Amino acid sequence: ALREAGVPPTHIDAPCAQAAQFESETLWAVVAPQVQAGDHVLIVR
């Protein structure tokens, strides 16, 4: 959906296609290294 909306694929972080589950826990394993103290993340829900 992000790609169809026009977001460049290089800007998208997600679990690998072979992940056992697609959820916040598997996503966090991918994105946790990006996060620094003081950061803000917008959760669209």
All heavy atoms as atom14 arrays in JSON, in Angstrom:
{
  "sequence": "ALREAGVPPTHIDAPCAQAAQFESETLWAVVAPQVQAGDHVLIVR",
  "atom14_mask": [
    [1, 1, 1, 1, 1, 0, 0, 0, 0, 0, 0, 0, 0, 0],
    [1, 1, 1, 1, 1, 1, 1, 1, 0, 0, 0, 0, 0, 0],
    [1, 1, 1, 1, 1, 1, 1, 1, 1, 1, 1, 0, 0, 0],
    [1, 1, 1, 1, 1, 1, 1, 1, 1, 0, 0, 0, 0, 0],
    [1, 1, 1, 1, 1, 0, 0, 0, 0, 0, 0, 0, 0, 0],
    [1, 1, 1, 1, 0, 0, 0, 0, 0, 0, 0, 0, 0, 0],
    [1, 1, 1, 1, 1, 1, 1, 0, 0, 0, 0, 0, 0, 0],
    [1, 1, 1, 1, 1, 1, 1, 0, 0, 0, 0, 0, 0, 0],
    [1, 1, 1, 1, 1, 1, 1, 0, 0, 0, 0, 0, 0, 0],
    [1, 1, 1, 1, 1, 1, 1, 0, 0, 0, 0, 0, 0, 0],
    [1, 1, 1, 1, 1, 1, 1, 1, 1, 1, 0, 0, 0, 0],
    [1, 1, 1, 1, 1, 1, 1, 1, 0, 0, 0, 0, 0, 0],
    [1, 1, 1, 1, 1, 1, 1, 1, 0, 0, 0, 0, 0, 0],
    [1, 1, 1, 1, 1, 0, 0, 0, 0, 0, 0, 0, 0, 0],
    [1, 1, 1, 1, 1, 1, 1, 0, 0, 0, 0, 0, 0, 0],
    [1, 1, 1, 1, 1, 1, 0, 0, 0, 0, 0, 0, 0, 0],
    [1, 1, 1, 1, 1, 0, 0, 0, 0, 0, 0, 0, 0, 0],
    [1, 1, 1, 1, 1, 1, 1, 1, 1, 0, 0, 0, 0, 0],
    [1, 1, 1, 1, 1, 0, 0, 0, 0, 0, 0, 0, 0, 0],
    [1, 1, 1, 1, 1, 0, 0, 0, 0, 0, 0, 0, 0, 0],
    [1, 1, 1, 1, 1, 1, 1, 1, 1, 0, 0, 0, 0, 0],
    [1, 1, 1, 1, 1, 1, 1, 1, 1, 1, 1, 0, 0, 0],
    [1, 1, 1, 1, 1, 1, 1, 1, 1, 0, 0, 0, 0, 0],
    [1, 1, 1, 1, 1, 1, 0, 0, 0, 0, 0, 0, 0, 0],
    [1, 1, 1, 1, 1, 1, 1, 1, 1, 0, 0, 0, 0, 0],
    [1, 1, 1, 1, 1, 1, 1, 0, 0, 0, 0, 0, 0, 0],
    [1, 1, 1, 1, 1, 1, 1, 1, 0, 0, 0, 0, 0, 0],
    [1, 1, 1, 1, 1, 1, 1, 1, 1, 1, 1, 1, 1, 1],
    [1, 1, 1, 1, 1, 0, 0, 0, 0, 0, 0, 0, 0, 0],
    [1, 1, 1, 1, 1, 1, 1, 0, 0, 0, 0, 0, 0, 0],
    [1, 1, 1, 1, 1, 1, 1, 0, 0, 0, 0, 0, 0, 0],
    [1, 1, 1, 1, 1, 0, 0, 0, 0, 0, 0, 0, 0, 0],
    [1, 1, 1, 1, 1, 1, 1, 0, 0, 0, 0, 0, 0, 0],
    [1, 1, 1, 1, 1, 1, 1, 1, 1, 0, 0, 0, 0, 0],
    [1, 1, 1, 1, 1, 1, 1, 0, 0, 0, 0, 0, 0, 0],
    [1, 1, 1, 1, 1, 1, 1, 1, 1, 0, 0, 0, 0, 0],
    [1, 1, 1, 1, 1, 0, 0, 0, 0, 0, 0, 0, 0, 0],
    [1, 1, 1, 1, 0, 0, 0, 0, 0, 0, 0, 0, 0, 0],
    [1, 1, 1, 1, 1, 1, 1, 1, 0, 0, 0, 0, 0, 0],
    [1, 1, 1, 1, 1, 1, 1, 1, 1, 1, 0, 0, 0, 0],
    [1, 1, 1, 1, 1, 1, 1, 0, 0, 0, 0, 0, 0, 0],
    [1, 1, 1, 1, 1, 1, 1, 1, 0, 0, 0, 0, 0, 0],
    [1, 1, 1, 1, 1, 1, 1, 1, 0, 0, 0, 0, 0, 0],
    [1, 1, 1, 1, 1, 1, 1, 0, 0, 0, 0, 0, 0, 0],
    [1, 1, 1, 1, 1, 1, 1, 1, 1, 1, 1, 0, 0, 0]
  ],
  "atom14_positions": [
    [[0.83, -1.2, 0.0], [0.0, 0.0, 0.0], [0.87, 1.25, 0.0], [0.54, 2.25, -0.67], [-0.92, -0.01, 1.22], [0.0, 0.0, 0.0], [0.0, 0.0, 0.0], [0.0, 0.0, 0.0], [0.0, 0.0, 0.0], [0.0, 0.0, 0.0], [0.0, 0.0, 0.0], [0.0, 0.0, 0.0], [0.0, 0.0, 0.0], [0.0, 0.0, 0.0]],
    [[1.97, 1.24, 0.72], [2.89, 2.39, 0.73], [3.49, 2.61, -0.66], [3.57, 3.75, -1.14], [3.99, 2.18, 1.76], [3.59, 2.34, 3.23], [4.66, 1.81, 4.16], [3.31, 3.82, 3.54], [0.0, 0.0, 0.0], [0.0, 0.0, 0.0], [0.0, 0.0, 0.0], [0.0, 0.0, 0.0], [0.0, 0.0, 0.0], [0.0, 0.0, 0.0]],
    [[3.9, 1.52, -1.3], [4.47, 1.65, -2.65], [3.42, 2.18, -3.62], [3.71, 3.05, -4.45], [5.02, 0.31, -3.12], [6.27, -0.14, -2.38], [6.93, -1.32, -3.05], [6.09, -2.52, -3.0], [6.12, -3.41, -2.02], [6.97, -3.26, -1.01], [5.34, -4.48, -2.05], [0.0, 0.0, 0.0], [0.0, 0.0, 0.0], [0.0, 0.0, 0.0]],
    [[2.19, 1.65, -3.52], [1.12, 2.11, -4.41], [0.79, 3.58, -4.17], [0.37, 4.29, -5.09], [-0.12, 1.24, -4.22], [0.06, -0.19, -4.74], [-1.15, -1.07, -4.45], [-2.08, -0.6, -3.75], [-1.16, -2.23, -4.92], [0.0, 0.0, 0.0], [0.0, 0.0, 0.0], [0.0, 0.0, 0.0], [0.0, 0.0, 0.0], [0.0, 0.0, 0.0]],
    [[0.96, 4.03, -2.93], [0.71, 5.44, -2.62], [1.81, 6.34, -3.17], [1.63, 7.56, -3.27], [0.58, 5.63, -1.11], [0.0, 0.0, 0.0], [0.0, 0.0, 0.0], [0.0, 0.0, 0.0], [0.0, 0.0, 0.0], [0.0, 0.0, 0.0], [0.0, 0.0, 0.0], [0.0, 0.0, 0.0], [0.0, 0.0, 0.0], [0.0, 0.0, 0.0]],
    [[2.96, 5.74, -3.5], [4.05, 6.51, -4.07], [5.27, 6.64, -3.19], [6.24, 7.32, -3.57], [0.0, 0.0, 0.0], [0.0, 0.0, 0.0], [0.0, 0.0, 0.0], [0.0, 0.0, 0.0], [0.0, 0.0, 0.0], [0.0, 0.0, 0.0], [0.0, 0.0, 0.0], [0.0, 0.0, 0.0], [0.0, 0.0, 0.0], [0.0, 0.0, 0.0]],
    [[5.26, 6.01, -2.0], [6.44, 6.07, -1.14], [7.58, 5.3, -1.81], [7.4, 4.15, -2.22], [6.14, 5.46, 0.25], [7.41, 5.42, 1.1], [5.07, 6.28, 0.96], [0.0, 0.0, 0.0], [0.0, 0.0, 0.0], [0.0, 0.0, 0.0], [0.0, 0.0, 0.0], [0.0, 0.0, 0.0], [0.0, 0.0, 0.0], [0.0, 0.0, 0.0]],
    [[8.76, 5.89, -1.94], [9.88, 5.16, -2.55], [10.19, 3.88, -1.76], [10.27, 3.91, -0.53], [11.03, 6.17, -2.45], [10.37, 7.51, -2.35], [9.11, 7.28, -1.58], [0.0, 0.0, 0.0], [0.0, 0.0, 0.0], [0.0, 0.0, 0.0], [0.0, 0.0, 0.0], [0.0, 0.0, 0.0], [0.0, 0.0, 0.0], [0.0, 0.0, 0.0]],
    [[10.35, 2.76, -2.43], [10.65, 1.51, -1.72], [11.87, 1.6, -0.81], [11.91, 0.92, 0.23], [10.89, 0.52, -2.87], [10.11, 1.06, -4.02], [10.2, 2.56, -3.88], [0.0, 0.0, 0.0], [0.0, 0.0, 0.0], [0.0, 0.0, 0.0], [0.0, 0.0, 0.0], [0.0, 0.0, 0.0], [0.0, 0.0, 0.0], [0.0, 0.0, 0.0]],
    [[12.83, 2.44, -1.15], [14.03, 2.58, -0.33], [13.74, 3.26, 1.0], [14.6, 3.25, 1.9], [15.09, 3.39, -1.08], [14.51, 4.64, -1.52], [15.6, 2.62, -2.29], [0.0, 0.0, 0.0], [0.0, 0.0, 0.0], [0.0, 0.0, 0.0], [0.0, 0.0, 0.0], [0.0, 0.0, 0.0], [0.0, 0.0, 0.0], [0.0, 0.0, 0.0]],
    [[12.55, 3.83, 1.16], [12.18, 4.51, 2.4], [11.32, 3.64, 3.3], [10.87, 4.1, 4.35], [11.43, 5.81, 2.1], [12.31, 6.92, 1.61], [13.09, 6.83, 0.49], [12.54, 8.15, 2.12], [13.75, 7.95, 0.31], [13.44, 8.78, 1.29], [0.0, 0.0, 0.0], [0.0, 0.0, 0.0], [0.0, 0.0, 0.0], [0.0, 0.0, 0.0]],
    [[11.06, 2.39, 2.91], [10.16, 1.51, 3.66], [10.96, 0.47, 4.43], [11.82, -0.21, 3.85], [9.16, 0.82, 2.71], [8.32, 1.86, 1.96], [8.25, -0.14, 3.5], [7.47, 1.26, 0.85], [0.0, 0.0, 0.0], [0.0, 0.0, 0.0], [0.0, 0.0, 0.0], [0.0, 0.0, 0.0], [0.0, 0.0, 0.0], [0.0, 0.0, 0.0]],
    [[10.69, 0.35, 5.71], [11.29, -0.69, 6.56], [10.2, -1.66, 6.99], [9.15, -1.23, 7.48], [11.94, -0.07, 7.8], [13.05, 0.91, 7.44], [13.98, 0.5, 6.73], [12.97, 2.07, 7.87], [0.0, 0.0, 0.0], [0.0, 0.0, 0.0], [0.0, 0.0, 0.0], [0.0, 0.0, 0.0], [0.0, 0.0, 0.0], [0.0, 0.0, 0.0]],
    [[10.45, -2.96, 6.84], [9.45, -3.97, 7.16], [10.13, -5.29, 7.45], [11.3, -5.51, 7.07], [8.48, -4.14, 5.98], [0.0, 0.0, 0.0], [0.0, 0.0, 0.0], [0.0, 0.0, 0.0], [0.0, 0.0, 0.0], [0.0, 0.0, 0.0], [0.0, 0.0, 0.0], [0.0, 0.0, 0.0], [0.0, 0.0, 0.0], [0.0, 0.0, 0.0]],
    [[9.43, -6.23, 8.12], [9.98, -7.57, 8.3], [10.22, -8.23, 6.94], [9.57, -7.88, 5.95], [8.89, -8.3, 9.09], [8.07, -7.22, 9.71], [8.11, -6.07, 8.76], [0.0, 0.0, 0.0], [0.0, 0.0, 0.0], [0.0, 0.0, 0.0], [0.0, 0.0, 0.0], [0.0, 0.0, 0.0], [0.0, 0.0, 0.0], [0.0, 0.0, 0.0]],
    [[11.13, -9.17, 6.9], [11.39, -9.87, 5.64], [10.17, -10.69, 5.24], [9.34, -11.05, 6.08], [12.63, -10.75, 5.76], [12.41, -12.2, 6.79], [0.0, 0.0, 0.0], [0.0, 0.0, 0.0], [0.0, 0.0, 0.0], [0.0, 0.0, 0.0], [0.0, 0.0, 0.0], [0.0, 0.0, 0.0], [0.0, 0.0, 0.0], [0.0, 0.0, 0.0]],
    [[10.07, -10.98, 3.96], [8.89, -11.69, 3.44], [8.74, -13.08, 4.03], [7.65, -13.65, 4.02], [8.98, -11.77, 1.91], [0.0, 0.0, 0.0], [0.0, 0.0, 0.0], [0.0, 0.0, 0.0], [0.0, 0.0, 0.0], [0.0, 0.0, 0.0], [0.0, 0.0, 0.0], [0.0, 0.0, 0.0], [0.0, 0.0, 0.0], [0.0, 0.0, 0.0]],
    [[9.82, -13.66, 4.54], [9.77, -15.01, 5.09], [9.52, -15.01, 6.6], [9.56, -16.08, 7.23], [11.09, -15.74, 4.81], [11.32, -16.08, 3.35], [11.68, -14.86, 2.51], [12.42, -13.99, 2.99], [11.17, -14.79, 1.29], [0.0, 0.0, 0.0], [0.0, 0.0, 0.0], [0.0, 0.0, 0.0], [0.0, 0.0, 0.0], [0.0, 0.0, 0.0]],
    [[9.24, -13.86, 7.2], [9.02, -13.8, 8.65], [7.86, -14.69, 9.06], [6.86, -14.82, 8.33], [8.75, -12.36, 9.08], [0.0, 0.0, 0.0], [0.0, 0.0, 0.0], [0.0, 0.0, 0.0], [0.0, 0.0, 0.0], [0.0, 0.0, 0.0], [0.0, 0.0, 0.0], [0.0, 0.0, 0.0], [0.0, 0.0, 0.0], [0.0, 0.0, 0.0]],
    [[7.96, -15.31, 10.23], [6.89, -16.2, 10.72], [5.62, -15.42, 10.98], [4.51, -15.92, 10.78], [7.35, -16.92, 11.98], [0.0, 0.0, 0.0], [0.0, 0.0, 0.0], [0.0, 0.0, 0.0], [0.0, 0.0, 0.0], [0.0, 0.0, 0.0], [0.0, 0.0, 0.0], [0.0, 0.0, 0.0], [0.0, 0.0, 0.0], [0.0, 0.0, 0.0]],
    [[5.75, -14.17, 11.46], [4.6, -13.31, 11.71], [4.9, -11.91, 11.2], [6.05, -11.47, 11.2], [4.29, -13.24, 13.22], [3.74, -14.53, 13.81], [2.33, -14.83, 13.34], [1.59, -13.93, 12.94], [1.95, -16.1, 13.37], [0.0, 0.0, 0.0], [0.0, 0.0, 0.0], [0.0, 0.0, 0.0], [0.0, 0.0, 0.0], [0.0, 0.0, 0.0]],
    [[3.84, -11.23, 10.77], [3.96, -9.84, 10.37], [3.28, -9.01, 11.45], [2.05, -8.92, 11.49], [3.33, -9.61, 9.0], [3.96, -10.44, 7.92], [3.21, -11.34, 7.18], [5.32, -10.33, 7.65], [3.79, -12.11, 6.18], [5.91, -11.09, 6.65], [5.16, -11.99, 5.93], [0.0, 0.0, 0.0], [0.0, 0.0, 0.0], [0.0, 0.0, 0.0]],
    [[4.07, -8.4, 12.32], [3.53, -7.73, 13.49], [4.56, -6.75, 14.03], [5.69, -6.63, 13.52], [3.18, -8.76, 14.57], [4.38, -9.61, 14.96], [4.05, -10.73, 15.93], [2.89, -10.83, 16.35], [4.97, -11.5, 16.26], [0.0, 0.0, 0.0], [0.0, 0.0, 0.0], [0.0, 0.0, 0.0], [0.0, 0.0, 0.0], [0.0, 0.0, 0.0]],
    [[4.18, -6.05, 15.1], [5.07, -5.05, 15.68], [6.37, -5.66, 16.19], [7.44, -5.05, 16.09], [4.36, -4.32, 16.82], [3.26, -3.58, 16.34], [0.0, 0.0, 0.0], [0.0, 0.0, 0.0], [0.0, 0.0, 0.0], [0.0, 0.0, 0.0], [0.0, 0.0, 0.0], [0.0, 0.0, 0.0], [0.0, 0.0, 0.0], [0.0, 0.0, 0.0]],
    [[6.29, -6.87, 16.74], [7.48, -7.51, 17.3], [8.54, -7.77, 16.23], [9.73, -7.5, 16.43], [7.09, -8.8, 18.01], [6.37, -8.6, 19.33], [4.86, -8.45, 19.16], [4.39, -8.14, 18.03], [4.13, -8.61, 20.16], [0.0, 0.0, 0.0], [0.0, 0.0, 0.0], [0.0, 0.0, 0.0], [0.0, 0.0, 0.0], [0.0, 0.0, 0.0]],
    [[8.13, -8.32, 15.09], [9.1, -8.59, 14.03], [9.57, -7.31, 13.36], [10.71, -7.21, 12.9], [8.51, -9.56, 12.99], [7.19, -9.11, 12.61], [8.41, -10.97, 13.55], [0.0, 0.0, 0.0], [0.0, 0.0, 0.0], [0.0, 0.0, 0.0], [0.0, 0.0, 0.0], [0.0, 0.0, 0.0], [0.0, 0.0, 0.0], [0.0, 0.0, 0.0]],
    [[8.7, -6.31, 13.29], [9.11, -5.01, 12.75], [10.18, -4.37, 13.65], [11.17, -3.82, 13.16], [7.9, -4.08, 12.63], [8.21, -2.61, 12.28], [8.86, -2.51, 10.91], [6.94, -1.77, 12.33], [0.0, 0.0, 0.0], [0.0, 0.0, 0.0], [0.0, 0.0, 0.0], [0.0, 0.0, 0.0], [0.0, 0.0, 0.0], [0.0, 0.0, 0.0]],
    [[9.98, -4.46, 14.95], [10.91, -3.82, 15.89], [12.32, -4.37, 15.73], [13.3, -3.63, 15.83], [10.42, -4.0, 17.31], [11.3, -3.37, 18.34], [12.03, -4.0, 19.31], [11.56, -1.97, 18.52], [12.73, -3.1, 20.07], [12.46, -1.84, 19.6], [11.12, -0.82, 17.85], [12.92, -0.6, 20.03], [11.59, 0.4, 18.29], [12.47, 0.51, 19.36]],
    [[12.44, -5.66, 15.46], [13.76, -6.25, 15.27], [14.49, -5.6, 14.09], [15.73, -5.54, 14.07], [13.63, -7.76, 15.04], [0.0, 0.0, 0.0], [0.0, 0.0, 0.0], [0.0, 0.0, 0.0], [0.0, 0.0, 0.0], [0.0, 0.0, 0.0], [0.0, 0.0, 0.0], [0.0, 0.0, 0.0], [0.0, 0.0, 0.0], [0.0, 0.0, 0.0]],
    [[13.72, -5.1, 13.12], [14.32, -4.45, 11.94], [14.67, -2.99, 12.21], [15.74, -2.51, 11.81], [13.35, -4.54, 10.74], [13.89, -3.78, 9.53], [13.08, -6.0, 10.37], [0.0, 0.0, 0.0], [0.0, 0.0, 0.0], [0.0, 0.0, 0.0], [0.0, 0.0, 0.0], [0.0, 0.0, 0.0], [0.0, 0.0, 0.0], [0.0, 0.0, 0.0]],
    [[13.79, -2.28, 12.92], [13.94, -0.83, 13.01], [14.59, -0.34, 14.3], [15.0, 0.83, 14.38], [12.55, -0.14, 12.86], [11.94, -0.48, 11.51], [11.61, -0.51, 14.0], [0.0, 0.0, 0.0], [0.0, 0.0, 0.0], [0.0, 0.0, 0.0], [0.0, 0.0, 0.0], [0.0, 0.0, 0.0], [0.0, 0.0, 0.0], [0.0, 0.0, 0.0]],
    [[14.71, -1.19, 15.3], [15.26, -0.75, 16.59], [16.61, -0.05, 16.45], [16.86, 0.95, 17.15], [15.36, -1.94, 17.55], [0.0, 0.0, 0.0], [0.0, 0.0, 0.0], [0.0, 0.0, 0.0], [0.0, 0.0, 0.0], [0.0, 0.0, 0.0], [0.0, 0.0, 0.0], [0.0, 0.0, 0.0], [0.0, 0.0, 0.0], [0.0, 0.0, 0.0]],
    [[17.52, -0.52, 15.57], [18.82, 0.17, 15.46], [18.73, 1.62, 14.99], [19.68, 2.39, 15.18], [19.58, -0.7, 14.43], [18.95, -2.05, 14.54], [17.51, -1.78, 14.79], [0.0, 0.0, 0.0], [0.0, 0.0, 0.0], [0.0, 0.0, 0.0], [0.0, 0.0, 0.0], [0.0, 0.0, 0.0], [0.0, 0.0, 0.0], [0.0, 0.0, 0.0]],
    [[17.59, 2.0, 14.37], [17.45, 3.39, 13.91], [17.18, 4.35, 15.06], [17.46, 5.55, 14.95], [16.27, 3.5, 12.94], [16.36, 2.68, 11.68], [15.1, 2.84, 10.82], [14.31, 3.77, 11.02], [14.91, 1.94, 9.88], [0.0, 0.0, 0.0], [0.0, 0.0, 0.0], [0.0, 0.0, 0.0], [0.0, 0.0, 0.0], [0.0, 0.0, 0.0]],
    [[16.59, 3.84, 16.14], [16.0, 4.7, 17.17], [17.06, 5.2, 18.15], [17.88, 4.43, 18.66], [14.9, 3.94, 17.93], [14.28, 4.82, 19.02], [13.82, 3.48, 16.95], [0.0, 0.0, 0.0], [0.0, 0.0, 0.0], [0.0, 0.0, 0.0], [0.0, 0.0, 0.0], [0.0, 0.0, 0.0], [0.0, 0.0, 0.0], [0.0, 0.0, 0.0]],
    [[16.99, 6.52, 18.42], [17.88, 7.15, 19.38], [17.06, 7.85, 20.45], [15.89, 8.21, 20.23], [18.8, 8.16, 18.68], [19.65, 7.57, 17.58], [20.46, 8.62, 16.85], [20.63, 9.74, 17.33], [20.97, 8.27, 15.68], [0.0, 0.0, 0.0], [0.0, 0.0, 0.0], [0.0, 0.0, 0.0], [0.0, 0.0, 0.0], [0.0, 0.0, 0.0]],
    [[17.63, 8.04, 21.6], [16.95, 8.75, 22.68], [16.53, 10.14, 22.2], [17.29, 10.84, 21.52], [17.87, 8.87, 23.89], [0.0, 0.0, 0.0], [0.0, 0.0, 0.0], [0.0, 0.0, 0.0], [0.0, 0.0, 0.0], [0.0, 0.0, 0.0], [0.0, 0.0, 0.0], [0.0, 0.0, 0.0], [0.0, 0.0, 0.0], [0.0, 0.0, 0.0]],
    [[15.3, 10.5, 22.53], [14.77, 11.79, 22.11], [14.01, 11.76, 20.81], [13.36, 12.75, 20.45], [0.0, 0.0, 0.0], [0.0, 0.0, 0.0], [0.0, 0.0, 0.0], [0.0, 0.0, 0.0], [0.0, 0.0, 0.0], [0.0, 0.0, 0.0], [0.0, 0.0, 0.0], [0.0, 0.0, 0.0], [0.0, 0.0, 0.0], [0.0, 0.0, 0.0]],
    [[14.08, 10.65, 20.06], [13.35, 10.53, 18.8], [11.84, 10.51, 19.05], [11.37, 10.11, 20.12], [13.73, 9.24, 18.07], [15.06, 9.34, 17.36], [15.57, 10.46, 17.22], [15.59, 8.29, 16.95], [0.0, 0.0, 0.0], [0.0, 0.0, 0.0], [0.0, 0.0, 0.0], [0.0, 0.0, 0.0], [0.0, 0.0, 0.0], [0.0, 0.0, 0.0]],
    [[11.11, 10.9, 18.02], [9.66, 10.76, 18.02], [9.26, 9.92, 16.8], [9.81, 10.1, 15.72], [8.97, 12.12, 17.94], [9.11, 12.93, 19.2], [10.27, 13.59, 19.53], [8.23, 13.17, 20.21], [10.11, 14.22, 20.69], [8.87, 13.97, 21.13], [0.0, 0.0, 0.0], [0.0, 0.0, 0.0], [0.0, 0.0, 0.0], [0.0, 0.0, 0.0]],
    [[8.32, 9.02, 17.01], [7.8, 8.18, 15.93], [6.29, 8.38, 15.87], [5.59, 8.26, 16.89], [8.13, 6.69, 16.17], [7.44, 5.82, 15.12], [9.64, 6.47, 16.13], [0.0, 0.0, 0.0], [0.0, 0.0, 0.0], [0.0, 0.0, 0.0], [0.0, 0.0, 0.0], [0.0, 0.0, 0.0], [0.0, 0.0, 0.0], [0.0, 0.0, 0.0]],
    [[5.8, 8.7, 14.69], [4.36, 8.87, 14.49], [3.74, 7.53, 14.14], [4.13, 6.9, 13.14], [4.09, 9.87, 13.37], [2.61, 10.19, 13.11], [2.02, 10.93, 14.3], [2.44, 11.0, 11.84], [0.0, 0.0, 0.0], [0.0, 0.0, 0.0], [0.0, 0.0, 0.0], [0.0, 0.0, 0.0], [0.0, 0.0, 0.0], [0.0, 0.0, 0.0]],
    [[2.82, 7.05, 14.95], [2.13, 5.78, 14.7], [0.75, 6.09, 14.14], [-0.12, 6.61, 14.84], [2.04, 4.93, 15.98], [3.45, 4.63, 16.49], [1.27, 3.65, 15.71], [3.5, 3.76, 17.74], [0.0, 0.0, 0.0], [0.0, 0.0, 0.0], [0.0, 0.0, 0.0], [0.0, 0.0, 0.0], [0.0, 0.0, 0.0], [0.0, 0.0, 0.0]],
    [[0.57, 5.8, 12.87], [-0.69, 6.07, 12.16], [-1.58, 4.85, 12.32], [-1.22, 3.74, 11.92], [-0.43, 6.38, 10.68], [-1.74, 6.75, 9.99], [0.6, 7.49, 10.53], [0.0, 0.0, 0.0], [0.0, 0.0, 0.0], [0.0, 0.0, 0.0], [0.0, 0.0, 0.0], [0.0, 0.0, 0.0], [0.0, 0.0, 0.0], [0.0, 0.0, 0.0]],
    [[-2.76, 5.05, 12.87], [-3.58, 3.91, 13.3], [-5.06, 4.21, 13.13], [-5.46, 5.28, 12.69], [-3.27, 3.59, 14.77], [-3.59, 4.75, 15.7], [-3.25, 4.44, 17.14], [-4.2, 3.52, 17.73], [-5.3, 3.88, 18.37], [-5.61, 5.17, 18.5], [-6.11, 2.99, 18.89], [0.0, 0.0, 0.0], [0.0, 0.0, 0.0], [0.0, 0.0, 0.0]]
  ]
}
